[in-house]
């Protein structure tokens, strides 16, 4: 049994109030850890347009 499945089994046994407390605990941890994550990447309109055009071409090829 993996650690995650063990944790899930324990969480299933908690009361609603305890599950809510666990959720708040995890949310706080994630917010704290997220601060070390780099910000979102920035793309130009040209890059986005090229990707969309490529996707549209691929979609047409799949339909054809």
Protein backbone atom coordinates (compact mmCIF):
# COMPACT_ATOMS: atom_id res chain seq x y z
CA UNK A 1 0.00 0.00 0.00
CA UNK A 2 1.38 3.41 -0.93
CA UNK A 3 1.69 6.31 1.47
CA UNK A 4 -0.94 8.25 -0.45
CA UNK A 5 -3.49 5.45 -0.29
CA UNK A 6 -2.82 5.12 3.45
CA UNK A 7 -3.39 8.85 3.89
CA UNK A 8 -6.59 8.68 1.81
CA UNK A 9 -7.88 5.83 3.97
CA UNK A 10 -7.25 7.83 7.14
CA UNK A 11 -8.93 10.91 5.67
CA UNK A 12 -11.99 8.83 4.77
CA UNK A 13 -12.30 7.93 8.46
CA UNK A 14 -12.27 11.57 9.64
CA UNK A 15 -15.35 13.53 10.60
CA UNK A 16 -16.53 16.37 8.38
CA UNK A 17 -15.01 18.94 10.76
CA UNK A 18 -11.68 17.12 10.74
CA UNK A 19 -11.72 16.92 6.93
CA UNK A 20 -12.34 20.67 6.75
CA UNK A 21 -9.47 21.27 9.16
CA UNK A 22 -7.23 19.04 7.01
CA UNK A 23 -8.23 20.96 3.90
CA UNK A 24 -7.36 24.29 5.51
CA UNK A 25 -4.04 22.85 6.69
CA UNK A 26 -3.17 21.65 3.18
CA UNK A 27 -4.24 24.93 1.59
CA UNK A 28 -1.98 26.88 3.96
CA UNK A 29 0.96 24.57 3.19
CA UNK A 30 0.40 24.89 -0.55
CA UNK A 31 0.25 28.69 -0.35
CA UNK A 32 3.51 28.75 1.60
CA UNK A 33 5.27 26.38 -0.82
CA UNK A 34 3.92 28.15 -3.89
CA UNK A 35 5.92 31.25 -3.02
CA UNK A 36 9.04 29.46 -4.18
CA UNK A 37 7.47 28.53 -7.53
CA UNK A 38 8.40 30.77 -10.47
CA UNK A 39 5.71 33.05 -11.86
CA UNK A 40 3.73 32.32 -14.99
CA UNK A 41 5.54 32.46 -18.30
CA UNK A 42 4.77 35.16 -20.81
CA UNK A 43 4.19 34.48 -24.52
CA UNK A 44 3.84 36.88 -27.43
CA UNK A 45 0.70 37.11 -29.55
CA UNK A 46 2.73 35.72 -32.43
CA UNK A 47 3.72 32.61 -30.46
CA UNK A 48 0.15 32.01 -29.32
CA UNK A 49 -1.17 32.57 -32.85
CA UNK A 50 1.35 30.10 -34.30
CA UNK A 51 0.38 27.44 -31.75
CA UNK A 52 -3.31 27.94 -32.43
CA UNK A 53 -2.76 27.75 -36.19
CA UNK A 54 -0.74 24.56 -35.76
CA UNK A 55 -3.48 23.04 -33.62
CA UNK A 56 -6.14 23.98 -36.16
CA UNK A 57 -4.08 22.41 -38.95
CA UNK A 58 -3.63 19.22 -36.94
CA UNK A 59 -7.37 19.12 -36.19
CA UNK A 60 -8.25 19.45 -39.87
CA UNK A 61 -5.76 16.70 -40.72
CA UNK A 62 -7.41 14.42 -38.12
CA UNK A 63 -10.88 15.16 -39.49
CA UNK A 64 -9.76 14.54 -43.07
